[in-house]
PDB file of N, CA and C in Angstrom:
ATOM      1  N   MET A   1       8.938 103.067  30.273  1.00  0.00           N
ATOM      2  CA  MET A   1       8.095 102.570  28.868  1.00  0.00           C
ATOM      3  C   MET A   1       7.602 101.389  28.722  1.00  0.00           C
ATOM      4  N   LEU A   2       7.895 100.393  29.186  1.00  0.00           N
ATOM      5  CA  LEU A   2       7.288  98.914  29.149  1.00  0.00           C
ATOM      6  C   LEU A   2       6.108  98.959  30.256  1.00  0.00           C
ATOM      7  N   VAL A   3       6.181  99.605  31.110  1.00  0.00           N
ATOM      8  CA  VAL A   3       4.845  99.829  32.246  1.00  0.00           C
ATOM      9  C   VAL A   3       3.902 100.705  31.277  1.00  0.00           C
ATOM     10  N   HIS A   4       4.228 101.780  30.440  1.00  0.00           N
ATOM     11  CA  HIS A   4       3.382 102.680  29.440  1.00  0.00           C
ATOM     12  C   HIS A   4       2.336 101.424  28.609  1.00  0.00           C
ATOM     13  N   PHE A   5       3.300 101.124  28.020  1.00  0.00           N
ATOM     14  CA  PHE A   5       3.026 100.167  26.760  1.00  0.00           C
ATOM     15  C   PHE A   5       1.974  98.952  27.287  1.00  0.00           C
ATOM     16  N   LEU A   6       2.534  98.522  28.411  1.00  0.00           N
ATOM     17  CA  LEU A   6       1.362  97.182  29.120  1.00  0.00           C
ATOM     18  C   LEU A   6       0.024  97.797  29.825  1.00  0.00           C
ATOM     19  N   LEU A   7       0.112  98.890  30.245  1.00  0.00           N
ATOM     20  CA  LEU A   7      -0.744  99.541  30.766  1.00  0.00           C
ATOM     21  C   LEU A   7      -1.745 100.194  29.497  1.00  0.00           C
ATOM     22  N   THR A   8      -1.251 100.728  28.680  1.00  0.00           N
ATOM     23  CA  THR A   8      -2.161 101.010  27.355  1.00  0.00           C
ATOM     24  C   THR A   8      -2.269  99.683  26.787  1.00  0.00           C
ATOM     25  N   LEU A   9      -1.824  98.256  26.722  1.00  0.00           N
ATOM     26  CA  LEU A   9      -2.553  97.155  26.074  1.00  0.00           C
ATOM     27  C   LEU A   9      -3.658  96.825  26.874  1.00  0.00           C
ATOM     28  N   ILE A  10      -3.637  97.166  28.063  1.00  0.00           N
ATOM     29  CA  ILE A  10      -4.466  96.514  29.073  1.00  0.00           C
ATOM     30  C   ILE A  10      -5.952  97.236  28.893  1.00  0.00           C
ATOM     31  N   LEU A  11      -5.790  98.969  28.763  1.00  0.00           N
ATOM     32  CA  LEU A  11      -6.726  99.858  28.819  1.00  0.00           C
ATOM     33  C   LEU A  11      -7.758  99.820  27.371  1.00  0.00           C
ATOM     34  N   ILE A  12      -6.908  99.946  26.404  1.00  0.00           N
ATOM     35  CA  ILE A  12      -7.452  99.973  25.221  1.00  0.00           C
ATOM     36  C   ILE A  12      -8.639  98.794  24.893  1.00  0.00           C
ATOM     37  N   PRO A  13      -8.537  97.580  25.233  1.00  0.00           N
ATOM     38  CA  PRO A  13      -9.711  96.647  24.937  1.00  0.00           C
ATOM     39  C   PRO A  13     -10.690  97.044  26.076  1.00  0.00           C
ATOM     40  N   LEU A  14     -10.306  97.460  27.255  1.00  0.00           N
ATOM     41  CA  LEU A  14     -11.142  97.696  28.474  1.00  0.00           C
ATOM     42  C   LEU A  14     -12.308  98.983  28.132  1.00  0.00           C
ATOM     43  N   VAL A  15     -11.744  99.835  27.789  1.00  0.00           N
ATOM     44  CA  VAL A  15     -12.176 101.178  27.271  1.00  0.00           C
ATOM     45  C   VAL A  15     -12.969 100.947  25.987  1.00  0.00           C
ATOM     46  N   ASP A  16     -12.439  99.862  25.000  1.00  0.00           N
ATOM     47  CA  ASP A  16     -13.018  99.788  23.757  1.00  0.00           C
ATOM     48  C   ASP A  16     -14.460  98.829  24.200  1.00  0.00           C
ATOM     49  N   LEU A  17     -14.506  98.038  25.457  1.00  0.00           N
ATOM     50  CA  LEU A  17     -15.781  96.934  25.527  1.00  0.00           C
ATOM     51  C   LEU A  17     -17.179  97.871  25.231  1.00  0.00           C
ATOM     52  N   PRO A  18     -17.105  98.675  25.949  1.00  0.00           N
ATOM     53  CA  PRO A  18     -18.668  99.693  25.764  1.00  0.00           C
ATOM     54  C   PRO A  18     -18.837 100.178  24.441  1.00  0.00           C
ATOM     55  N   TRP A  19     -18.118  99.918  23.877  1.00  0.00           N
ATOM     56  CA  TRP A  19     -18.278 100.321  22.330  1.00  0.00           C
ATOM     57  C   TRP A  19     -18.565  99.332  21.664  1.00  0.00           C
ATOM     58  N   LEU A  20     -17.858  98.386  21.865  1.00  0.00           N
ATOM     59  CA  LEU A  20     -18.108  96.938  20.834  1.00  0.00           C
ATOM     60  C   LEU A  20     -19.696  96.300  21.679  1.00  0.00           C
ATOM     61  N   TRP A  21     -19.984  96.750  22.633  1.00  0.00           N
ATOM     62  CA  TRP A  21     -21.254  96.366  23.197  1.00  0.00           C
ATOM     63  C   TRP A  21     -22.307  97.031  22.613  1.00  0.00           C
ATOM     64  N   LEU A  22     -22.276  98.580  22.607  1.00  0.00           N
ATOM     65  CA  LEU A  22     -23.347  99.244  22.153  1.00  0.00           C
ATOM     66  C   LEU A  22     -23.362  99.269  20.437  1.00  0.00           C
ATOM     67  N   SER A  23     -22.429  99.045  19.925  1.00  0.00           N
ATOM     68  CA  SER A  23     -22.436  98.979  18.402  1.00  0.00           C
ATOM     69  C   SER A  23     -22.778  97.879  17.688  1.00  0.00           C
ATOM     70  N   SER A  24     -22.617  96.570  18.353  1.00  0.00           N
ATOM     71  CA  SER A  24     -23.312  95.106  18.160  1.00  0.00           C
ATOM     72  C   SER A  24     -24.339  95.088  17.620  1.00  0.00           C
ATOM     73  N   LYS A  25     -24.946  96.079  18.334  1.00  0.00           N
ATOM     74  CA  LYS A  25     -26.774  95.858  17.666  1.00  0.00           C
ATOM     75  C   LYS A  25     -26.825  96.575  16.206  1.00  0.00           C
ATOM     76  N   VAL A  26     -25.933  97.326  15.956  1.00  0.00           N
ATOM     77  CA  VAL A  26     -25.965  97.715  14.354  1.00  0.00           C
ATOM     78  C   VAL A  26     -24.914  96.919  13.414  1.00  0.00           C
ATOM     79  N   ALA A  27     -23.592  96.974  14.146  1.00  0.00           N
ATOM     80  CA  ALA A  27     -22.464  96.182  13.387  1.00  0.00           C
ATOM     81  C   ALA A  27     -22.906  94.352  13.220  1.00  0.00           C
ATOM     82  N   LEU A  28     -23.409  93.536  14.273  1.00  0.00           N
ATOM     83  CA  LEU A  28     -23.477  92.343  14.199  1.00  0.00           C
ATOM     84  C   LEU A  28     -24.476  91.839  12.994  1.00  0.00           C
ATOM     85  N   PRO A  29     -25.574  92.739  12.814  1.00  0.00           N
ATOM     86  CA  PRO A  29     -26.324  92.420  11.478  1.00  0.00           C
ATOM     87  C   PRO A  29     -25.747  92.337  10.148  1.00  0.00           C
ATOM     88  N   ALA A  30     -24.950  93.600  10.216  1.00  0.00           N
ATOM     89  CA  ALA A  30     -23.966  93.890   9.057  1.00  0.00           C
ATOM     90  C   ALA A  30     -23.250  92.816   8.388  1.00  0.00           C
ATOM     91  N   TYR A  31     -22.469  92.501   9.473  1.00  0.00           N
ATOM     92  CA  TYR A  31     -21.257  91.219   9.405  1.00  0.00           C
ATOM     93  C   TYR A  31     -22.104  89.894   9.237  1.00  0.00           C
ATOM     94  N   GLU A  32     -23.294  89.542   9.783  1.00  0.00           N
ATOM     95  CA  GLU A  32     -23.999  88.595   9.623  1.00  0.00           C
ATOM     96  C   GLU A  32     -24.342  88.509   8.140  1.00  0.00           C
ATOM     97  N   LYS A  33     -24.701  89.661   7.580  1.00  0.00           N
ATOM     98  CA  LYS A  33     -25.143  89.943   6.451  1.00  0.00           C
ATOM     99  C   LYS A  33     -24.602  89.444   5.052  1.00  0.00           C
ATOM    100  N   ILE A  34     -23.127  90.242   5.678  1.00  0.00           N
ATOM    101  CA  ILE A  34     -21.693  90.215   4.578  1.00  0.00           C
ATOM    102  C   ILE A  34     -21.235  88.849   4.514  1.00  0.00           C
ATOM    103  N   GLN A  35     -21.567  87.543   5.544  1.00  0.00           N
ATOM    104  CA  GLN A  35     -21.205  86.551   5.759  1.00  0.00           C
ATOM    105  C   GLN A  35     -22.260  85.517   5.113  1.00  0.00           C
ATOM    106  N   GLY A  36     -23.311  86.081   4.512  1.00  0.00           N
ATOM    107  CA  GLY A  36     -24.528  85.322   4.055  1.00  0.00           C
ATOM    108  C   GLY A  36     -25.557  85.124   4.955  1.00  0.00           C
ATOM    109  N   GLY A  37     -25.787  85.526   5.973  1.00  0.00           N
ATOM    110  CA  GLY A  37     -26.695  85.125   7.093  1.00  0.00           C
ATOM    111  C   GLY A  37     -26.106  84.047   8.209  1.00  0.00           C
ATOM    112  N   ARG A  38     -24.758  83.886   7.891  1.00  0.00           N
ATOM    113  CA  ARG A  38     -24.258  83.202   9.084  1.00  0.00           C
ATOM    114  C   ARG A  38     -24.034  83.981  10.264  1.00  0.00           C
ATOM    115  N   PRO A  39     -23.713  83.606  11.402  1.00  0.00           N
ATOM    116  CA  PRO A  39     -23.639  84.200  12.753  1.00  0.00           C
ATOM    117  C   PRO A  39     -22.192  84.300  13.026  1.00  0.00           C
ATOM    118  N   LEU A  40     -21.856  85.654  13.247  1.00  0.00           N
ATOM    119  CA  LEU A  40     -20.540  85.786  13.688  1.00  0.00           C
ATOM    120  C   LEU A  40     -19.887  85.024  14.361  1.00  0.00           C
ATOM    121  N   ARG A  41     -18.683  84.515  14.435  1.00  0.00           N
ATOM    122  CA  ARG A  41     -18.052  83.806  15.414  1.00  0.00           C
ATOM    123  C   ARG A  41     -16.455  84.255  15.442  1.00  0.00           C
ATOM    124  N   PRO A  42     -16.308  85.419  15.917  1.00  0.00           N
ATOM    125  CA  PRO A  42     -14.954  85.735  16.281  1.00  0.00           C
ATOM    126  C   PRO A  42     -13.856  84.931  16.936  1.00  0.00           C
ATOM    127  N   TRP A  43     -12.499  84.692  16.446  1.00  0.00           N
ATOM    128  CA  TRP A  43     -11.854  84.169  16.988  1.00  0.00           C
ATOM    129  C   TRP A  43     -10.861  85.392  17.827  1.00  0.00           C
ATOM    130  N   LEU A  44     -11.086  85.607  18.960  1.00  0.00           N
ATOM    131  CA  LEU A  44     -10.840  86.405  19.808  1.00  0.00           C
ATOM    132  C   LEU A  44      -9.305  86.429  19.929  1.00  0.00           C
ATOM    133  N   LEU A  45      -8.350  85.355  19.901  1.00  0.00           N
ATOM    134  CA  LEU A  45      -6.811  85.102  19.880  1.00  0.00           C
ATOM    135  C   LEU A  45      -6.508  85.996  18.697  1.00  0.00           C
ATOM    136  N   ALA A  46      -7.120  85.999  17.561  1.00  0.00           N
ATOM    137  CA  ALA A  46      -6.367  86.833  16.556  1.00  0.00           C
ATOM    138  C   ALA A  46      -6.699  88.481  16.501  1.00  0.00           C
ATOM    139  N   ALA A  47      -7.221  88.802  17.896  1.00  0.00           N
ATOM    140  CA  ALA A  47      -7.664  90.081  18.536  1.00  0.00           C
ATOM    141  C   ALA A  47      -5.926  90.771  18.836  1.00  0.00           C
ATOM    142  N   LEU A  48      -5.535  89.749  19.600  1.00  0.00           N
ATOM    143  CA  LEU A  48      -4.039  90.219  20.245  1.00  0.00           C
ATOM    144  C   LEU A  48      -3.212  91.070  19.348  1.00  0.00           C
ATOM    145  N   PRO A  49      -2.884  90.594  18.209  1.00  0.00           N
ATOM    146  CA  PRO A  49      -1.957  91.246  17.397  1.00  0.00           C
ATOM    147  C   PRO A  49      -2.792  92.853  17.111  1.00  0.00           C
ATOM    148  N   VAL A  50      -3.948  92.736  16.957  1.00  0.00           N
ATOM    149  CA  VAL A  50      -4.623  94.015  17.074  1.00  0.00           C
ATOM    150  C   VAL A  50      -4.367  95.095  18.290  1.00  0.00           C
ATOM    151  N   TYR A  51      -4.694  94.275  19.194  1.00  0.00           N
ATOM    152  CA  TYR A  51      -4.397  95.494  20.271  1.00  0.00           C
ATOM    153  C   TYR A  51      -2.922  95.818  20.506  1.00  0.00           C
ATOM    154  N   LEU A  52      -2.059  94.748  20.209  1.00  0.00           N
ATOM    155  CA  LEU A  52      -0.565  94.983  20.639  1.00  0.00           C
ATOM    156  C   LEU A  52      -0.120  96.301  19.452  1.00  0.00           C
ATOM    157  N   ALA A  53      -0.773  96.209  18.017  1.00  0.00           N
ATOM    158  CA  ALA A  53      -0.373  97.200  17.220  1.00  0.00           C
ATOM    159  C   ALA A  53      -1.075  98.770  17.590  1.00  0.00           C
ATOM    160  N   LEU A  54      -2.301  98.652  18.254  1.00  0.00           N
ATOM    161  CA  LEU A  54      -2.922  99.812  18.665  1.00  0.00           C
ATOM    162  C   LEU A  54      -2.061 100.187  20.032  1.00  0.00           C
ATOM    163  N   ALA A  55      -1.751  99.545  20.440  1.00  0.00           N
ATOM    164  CA  ALA A  55      -1.092 100.134  21.959  1.00  0.00           C
ATOM    165  C   ALA A  55       0.403 100.657  21.597  1.00  0.00           C
ATOM    166  N   TYR A  56       0.891 100.099  20.618  1.00  0.00           N
ATOM    167  CA  TYR A  56       2.174 100.469  20.239  1.00  0.00           C
ATOM    168  C   TYR A  56       2.065 101.856  19.556  1.00  0.00           C
ATOM    169  N   LEU A  57       1.354 101.842  18.698  1.00  0.00           N
ATOM    170  CA  LEU A  57       0.733 103.175  18.077  1.00  0.00           C
ATOM    171  C   LEU A  57       0.368 104.430  18.880  1.00  0.00           C
ATOM    172  N   HIS A  58      -0.418 104.001  19.871  1.00  0.00           N
ATOM    173  CA  HIS A  58      -0.830 104.716  20.925  1.00  0.00           C
ATOM    174  C   HIS A  58       0.171 105.468  21.712  1.00  0.00           C
ATOM    175  N   THR A  59       1.367 104.369  22.048  1.00  0.00           N
ATOM    176  CA  THR A  59       2.577 105.146  23.114  1.00  0.00           C
ATOM    177  C   THR A  59       3.182 105.838  22.089  1.00  0.00           C
ATOM    178  N   GLN A  60       2.962 106.078  20.851  1.00  0.00           N
ATOM    179  CA  GLN A  60       3.786 106.866  20.187  1.00  0.00           C
ATOM    180  C   GLN A  60       3.602 108.183  20.475  1.00  0.00           C
ATOM    181  N   GLN A  61       2.477 108.633  20.528  1.00  0.00           N
ATOM    182  CA  GLN A  61       1.401 109.814  20.752  1.00  0.00           C
ATOM    183  C   GLN A  61       1.979 110.373  22.073  1.00  0.00           C
ATOM    184  N   THR A  62       2.136 111.916  21.784  1.00  0.00           N
ATOM    185  CA  THR A  62       2.607 112.765  22.706  1.00  0.00           C
ATOM    186  C   THR A  62       1.760 113.913  23.153  1.00  0.00           C
ATOM    187  N   THR A  63       0.485 113.870  22.704  1.00  0.00           N
ATOM    188  CA  THR A  63      -0.646 114.869  22.474  1.00  0.00           C
ATOM    189  C   THR A  63      -1.708 114.204  22.388  1.00  0.00           C
ATOM    190  N   ALA A  64      -3.016 114.717  23.311  1.00  0.00           N
ATOM    191  CA  ALA A  64      -4.097 114.030  23.284  1.00  0.00           C
ATOM    192  C   ALA A  64      -4.631 114.289  21.612  1.00  0.00           C
ATOM    193  N   VAL A  65      -4.622 115.343  21.148  1.00  0.00           N
ATOM    194  CA  VAL A  65      -4.904 115.868  19.835  1.00  0.00           C
ATOM    195  C   VAL A  65      -4.120 114.639  18.818  1.00  0.00           C
ATOM    196  N   GLY A  66      -2.892 114.324  18.802  1.00  0.00           N
ATOM    197  CA  GLY A  66      -2.449 113.367  17.996  1.00  0.00           C
ATOM    198  C   GLY A  66      -2.815 112.142  18.486  1.00  0.00           C
ATOM    199  N   ALA A  67      -3.259 111.603  19.544  1.00  0.00           N
ATOM    200  CA  ALA A  67      -3.651 110.259  19.740  1.00  0.00           C
ATOM    201  C   ALA A  67      -5.080 110.326  19.245  1.00  0.00           C
ATOM    202  N   ALA A  68      -6.265 111.332  19.301  1.00  0.00           N
ATOM    203  CA  ALA A  68      -7.221 111.272  18.824  1.00  0.00           C
ATOM    204  C   ALA A  68      -7.224 111.005  17.206  1.00  0.00           C
ATOM    205  N   ALA A  69      -6.067 111.808  16.687  1.00  0.00           N
ATOM    206  CA  ALA A  69      -5.792 111.804  15.258  1.00  0.00           C
ATOM    207  C   ALA A  69      -5.453 110.325  14.585  1.00  0.00           C
ATOM    208  N   ALA A  70      -4.605 109.801  15.458  1.00  0.00           N
ATOM    209  CA  ALA A  70      -3.745 108.310  15.150  1.00  0.00           C
ATOM    210  C   ALA A  70      -5.210 107.507  15.225  1.00  0.00           C
ATOM    211  N   GLY A  71      -5.814 107.275  16.582  1.00  0.00           N
ATOM    212  CA  GLY A  71      -6.967 106.495  16.624  1.00  0.00           C
ATOM    213  C   GLY A  71      -8.035 106.655  15.508  1.00  0.00           C
ATOM    214  N   ALA A  72      -8.305 107.898  15.142  1.00  0.00           N
ATOM    215  CA  ALA A  72      -9.353 108.128  14.079  1.00  0.00           C
ATOM    216  C   ALA A  72      -8.901 107.434  12.840  1.00  0.00           C
ATOM    217  N   ALA A  73      -7.775 107.555  12.364  1.00  0.00           N
ATOM    218  CA  ALA A  73      -6.898 107.193  11.274  1.00  0.00           C
ATOM    219  C   ALA A  73      -6.825 106.107  11.041  1.00  0.00           C
ATOM    220  N   VAL A  74      -6.464 105.101  12.216  1.00  0.00           N
ATOM    221  CA  VAL A  74      -6.319 103.707  12.118  1.00  0.00           C
ATOM    222  C   VAL A  74      -7.754 103.084  11.774  1.00  0.00           C
ATOM    223  N   TYR A  75      -8.605 103.775  12.949  1.00  0.00           N
ATOM    224  CA  TYR A  75      -9.853 103.199  12.552  1.00  0.00           C
ATOM    225  C   TYR A  75     -10.541 103.306  11.208  1.00  0.00           C
ATOM    226  N   ALA A  76     -10.376 104.521  10.526  1.00  0.00           N
ATOM    227  CA  ALA A  76     -10.995 104.816   9.428  1.00  0.00           C
ATOM    228  C   ALA A  76     -10.330 104.210   8.289  1.00  0.00           C
ATOM    229  N   VAL A  77      -8.941 103.548   8.213  1.00  0.00           N
ATOM    230  CA  VAL A  77      -8.330 102.593   7.198  1.00  0.00           C
ATOM    231  C   VAL A  77      -9.371 101.269   7.342  1.00  0.00           C
ATOM    232  N   TYR A  78      -9.505 100.592   8.672  1.00  0.00           N
ATOM    233  CA  TYR A  78     -10.318  99.649   8.821  1.00  0.00           C
ATOM    234  C   TYR A  78     -11.910  99.688   8.513  1.00  0.00           C
ATOM    235  N   ASP A  79     -12.368 100.593   8.716  1.00  0.00           N
ATOM    236  CA  ASP A  79     -13.625 100.969   8.390  1.00  0.00           C
ATOM    237  C   ASP A  79     -14.149 101.034   6.942  1.00  0.00           C
ATOM    238  N   PHE A  80     -13.281 102.112   6.551  1.00  0.00           N
ATOM    239  CA  PHE A  80     -13.491 102.361   5.122  1.00  0.00           C
ATOM    240  C   PHE A  80     -12.874 101.570   4.013  1.00  0.00           C
ATOM    241  N   THR A  81     -12.089 100.455   4.486  1.00  0.00           N
ATOM    242  CA  THR A  81     -11.906  99.529   3.703  1.00  0.00           C
ATOM    243  C   THR A  81     -13.250  98.459   3.710  1.00  0.00           C
ATOM    244  N   LEU A  82     -13.517  97.980   4.727  1.00  0.00           N
ATOM    245  CA  LEU A  82     -15.123  97.334   4.709  1.00  0.00           C
ATOM    246  C   LEU A  82     -15.600  97.722   3.926  1.00  0.00           C
ATOM    247  N   LEU A  83     -16.212  99.381   3.998  1.00  0.00           N
ATOM    248  CA  LEU A  83     -16.940 100.016   3.197  1.00  0.00           C
ATOM    249  C   LEU A  83     -16.846  99.714   1.878  1.00  0.00           C
ATOM    250  N   THR A  84     -15.487  99.974   1.370  1.00  0.00           N
ATOM    251  CA  THR A  84     -15.210  99.565  -0.072  1.00  0.00           C
ATOM    252  C   THR A  84     -15.313  98.294  -0.434  1.00  0.00           C
ATOM    253  N   LEU A  85     -15.167  97.144   0.259  1.00  0.00           N
ATOM    254  CA  LEU A  85     -15.330  95.874   0.007  1.00  0.00           C
ATOM    255  C   LEU A  85     -16.618  95.176  -0.161  1.00  0.00           C
ATOM    256  N   PHE A  86     -17.578  95.791   1.070  1.00  0.00           N
ATOM    257  CA  PHE A  86     -18.805  94.796   1.376  1.00  0.00           C
ATOM    258  C   PHE A  86     -19.921  95.994   1.082  1.00  0.00           C
ATOM    259  N   LYS A  87     -20.714  95.596   0.297  1.00  0.00           N
ATOM    260  CA  LYS A  87     -22.112  96.637  -0.279  1.00  0.00           C
ATOM    261  C   LYS A  87     -22.849  96.400   1.159  1.00  0.00           C
ATOM    262  N   ASP A  88     -22.684  95.452   2.183  1.00  0.00           N
ATOM    263  CA  ASP A  88     -23.683  95.492   3.393  1.00  0.00           C
ATOM    264  C   ASP A  88     -23.156  96.173   4.603  1.00  0.00           C
ATOM    265  N   PHE A  89     -21.781  96.712   4.450  1.00  0.00           N
ATOM    266  CA  PHE A  89     -21.205  97.409   5.364  1.00  0.00           C
ATOM    267  C   PHE A  89     -21.808  99.004   5.133  1.00  0.00           C
ATOM    268  N   THR A  90     -22.267  99.699   6.457  1.00  0.00           N
ATOM    269  CA  THR A  90     -22.931 100.950   6.044  1.00  0.00           C
ATOM    270  C   THR A  90     -22.059 102.057   6.367  1.00  0.00           C
ATOM    271  N   LEU A  91     -22.224 103.377   5.724  1.00  0.00           N
ATOM    272  CA  LEU A  91     -21.311 104.357   6.010  1.00  0.00           C
ATOM    273  C   LEU A  91     -21.695 105.195   7.090  1.00  0.00           C
ATOM    274  N   PRO A  92     -22.851 105.030   7.709  1.00  0.00           N
ATOM    275  CA  PRO A  92     -22.844 105.384   9.149  1.00  0.00           C
ATOM    276  C   PRO A  92     -22.197 104.893  10.462  1.00  0.00           C
ATOM    277  N   LEU A  93     -22.242 103.472   9.792  1.00  0.00           N
ATOM    278  CA  LEU A  93     -21.398 102.671  10.922  1.00  0.00           C
ATOM    279  C   LEU A  93     -19.863 102.844  10.635  1.00  0.00           C
ATOM    280  N   ALA A  94     -19.279 103.274   9.255  1.00  0.00           N
ATOM    281  CA  ALA A  94     -18.069 103.348   9.220  1.00  0.00           C
ATOM    282  C   ALA A  94     -17.709 104.838   9.838  1.00  0.00           C
ATOM    283  N   VAL A  95     -18.656 105.594   9.680  1.00  0.00           N
ATOM    284  CA  VAL A  95     -18.490 106.878  10.290  1.00  0.00           C
ATOM    285  C   VAL A  95     -18.146 106.857  11.935  1.00  0.00           C
ATOM    286  N   ALA A  96     -19.333 106.160  12.625  1.00  0.00           N
ATOM    287  CA  ALA A  96     -19.216 106.406  13.718  1.00  0.00           C
ATOM    288  C   ALA A  96     -18.289 105.352  14.528  1.00  0.00           C
ATOM    289  N   ASP A  97     -17.709 104.363  13.969  1.00  0.00           N
ATOM    290  CA  ASP A  97     -16.577 103.705  14.344  1.00  0.00           C
ATOM    291  C   ASP A  97     -15.149 104.358  13.995  1.00  0.00           C
ATOM    292  N   THR A  98     -15.173 105.127  13.017  1.00  0.00           N
ATOM    293  CA  THR A  98     -13.698 106.053  12.938  1.00  0.00           C
ATOM    294  C   THR A  98     -13.871 106.908  14.362  1.00  0.00           C
ATOM    295  N   LEU A  99     -15.109 107.873  14.515  1.00  0.00           N
ATOM    296  CA  LEU A  99     -14.951 108.540  15.208  1.00  0.00           C
ATOM    297  C   LEU A  99     -14.869 107.755  17.016  1.00  0.00           C
ATOM    298  N   TRP A 100     -15.082 106.749  16.833  1.00  0.00           N
ATOM    299  CA  TRP A 100     -14.931 106.118  18.089  1.00  0.00           C
ATOM    300  C   TRP A 100     -13.255 105.634  18.562  1.00  0.00           C
ATOM    301  N   GLY A 101     -12.886 105.408  17.167  1.00  0.00           N
ATOM    302  CA  GLY A 101     -11.335 105.174  17.378  1.00  0.00           C
ATOM    303  C   GLY A 101     -10.411 106.186  17.831  1.00  0.00           C
ATOM    304  N   GLY A 102     -11.055 107.702  17.387  1.00  0.00           N
ATOM    305  CA  GLY A 102     -10.323 108.735  17.834  1.00  0.00           C
ATOM    306  C   GLY A 102     -10.758 108.988  19.341  1.00  0.00           C
ATOM    307  N   ALA A 103     -11.816 108.837  19.789  1.00  0.00           N
ATOM    308  CA  ALA A 103     -12.543 109.243  21.094  1.00  0.00           C
ATOM    309  C   ALA A 103     -11.953 108.110  21.900  1.00  0.00           C
ATOM    310  N   LEU A 104     -11.563 106.783  21.432  1.00  0.00           N
ATOM    311  CA  LEU A 104     -11.068 105.876  22.030  1.00  0.00           C
ATOM    312  C   LEU A 104      -9.408 106.124  22.490  1.00  0.00           C
ATOM    313  N   PHE A 105      -8.618 106.598  21.603  1.00  0.00           N
ATOM    314  CA  PHE A 105      -7.294 106.872  21.700  1.00  0.00           C
ATOM    315  C   PHE A 105      -7.208 108.234  22.909  1.00  0.00           C
ATOM    316  N   ALA A 106      -7.935 109.064  22.712  1.00  0.00           N
ATOM    317  CA  ALA A 106      -7.863 110.163  23.267  1.00  0.00           C
ATOM    318  C   ALA A 106      -8.313 109.779  24.712  1.00  0.00           C
ATOM    319  N   ILE A 107      -9.299 109.018  24.771  1.00  0.00           N
ATOM    320  CA  ILE A 107      -9.660 108.803  26.386  1.00  0.00           C
ATOM    321  C   ILE A 107      -8.395 108.060  27.054  1.00  0.00           C
ATOM    322  N   VAL A 108      -7.998 106.850  26.464  1.00  0.00           N
ATOM    323  CA  VAL A 108      -7.040 106.165  27.109  1.00  0.00           C
ATOM    324  C   VAL A 108      -5.787 107.025  27.178  1.00  0.00           C
ATOM    325  N   PHE A 109      -5.331 107.984  26.384  1.00  0.00           N
ATOM    326  CA  PHE A 109      -4.275 108.924  26.452  1.00  0.00           C
ATOM    327  C   PHE A 109      -4.199 109.682  27.918  1.00  0.00           C
ATOM    328  N   TYR A 110      -5.642 109.976  28.153  1.00  0.00           N
ATOM    329  CA  TYR A 110      -5.913 110.752  29.457  1.00  0.00           C
ATOM    330  C   TYR A 110      -5.536 109.794  30.766  1.00  0.00           C
ATOM    331  N   ILE A 111      -6.214 108.477  30.601  1.00  0.00           N
ATOM    332  CA  ILE A 111      -6.150 107.946  31.494  1.00  0.00           C
ATOM    333  C   ILE A 111      -4.903 107.299  31.827  1.00  0.00           C
ATOM    334  N   VAL A 112      -3.920 106.969  30.881  1.00  0.00           N
ATOM    335  CA  VAL A 112      -2.714 106.370  30.895  1.00  0.00           C
ATOM    336  C   VAL A 112      -1.782 107.809  31.570  1.00  0.00           C
ATOM    337  N   ARG A 113      -1.825 108.770  31.330  1.00  0.00           N
ATOM    338  CA  ARG A 113      -1.112 109.938  31.383  1.00  0.00           C
ATOM    339  C   ARG A 113      -1.518 110.126  33.127  1.00  0.00           C
ATOM    340  N   ALA A 114      -2.836 110.199  33.356  1.00  0.00           N
ATOM    341  CA  ALA A 114      -3.156 110.420  34.971  1.00  0.00           C
ATOM    342  C   ALA A 114      -2.515 109.030  35.542  1.00  0.00           C
ATOM    343  N   LEU A 115      -2.645 107.995  35.356  1.00  0.00           N
ATOM    344  CA  LEU A 115      -2.095 106.627  36.484  1.00  0.00           C
ATOM    345  C   LEU A 115      -0.645 106.535  36.228  1.00  0.00           C
ATOM    346  N   LEU A 116       0.017 107.391  35.295  1.00  0.00           N
ATOM    347  CA  LEU A 116       1.487 107.196  35.416  1.00  0.00           C
ATOM    348  C   LEU A 116       2.105 108.629  35.731  1.00  0.00           C
ATOM    349  N   ARG A 117       1.351 109.323  35.888  1.00  0.00           N
ATOM    350  CA  ARG A 117       1.528 110.868  36.212  1.00  0.00           C
ATOM    351  C   ARG A 117       2.194 111.431  35.401  1.00  0.00           C
ATOM    352  N   MET A 118       1.781 111.190  34.073  1.00  0.00           N
ATOM    353  CA  MET A 118       2.936 112.044  33.035  1.00  0.00           C
ATOM    354  C   MET A 118       2.252 113.222  32.629  1.00  0.00           C
ATOM    355  N   PRO A 119       2.866 114.499  32.417  1.00  0.00           N
ATOM    356  CA  PRO A 119       2.387 115.727  31.763  1.00  0.00           C
ATOM    357  C   PRO A 119       1.326 115.420  30.535  1.00  0.00           C
ATOM    358  N   LEU A 120       0.440 116.463  30.604  1.00  0.00           N
ATOM    359  CA  LEU A 120      -0.646 116.264  29.361  1.00  0.00           C
ATOM    360  C   LEU A 120       0.138 116.827  28.573  1.00  0.00           C
TER     361      LEU A 120
END
């Protein structure tokens, strides 16, 4: 169980990195606009509890479909809260990131199951 959690904790940010890089071309200008033109200065240590929570939620999933649904749900909460609160956050970005959350969880589900030789 601990190995499952730790592997998931490592894989989620690693698999998330390409999306963060690709989406930054759209997301960074939106975040900077929300911040009144100031550049985004992430506090990366604050991402640790986020990834801990995502890893925990992910390890509770028993199917790829369940994992995808959980990922989409948690990302939707984040994205659509931002859309609700900030006029400069966009619907296309919220939808794309929500879909990515589902894809991320499904991808990591398959990788973890393969590496740990767990049944799908």
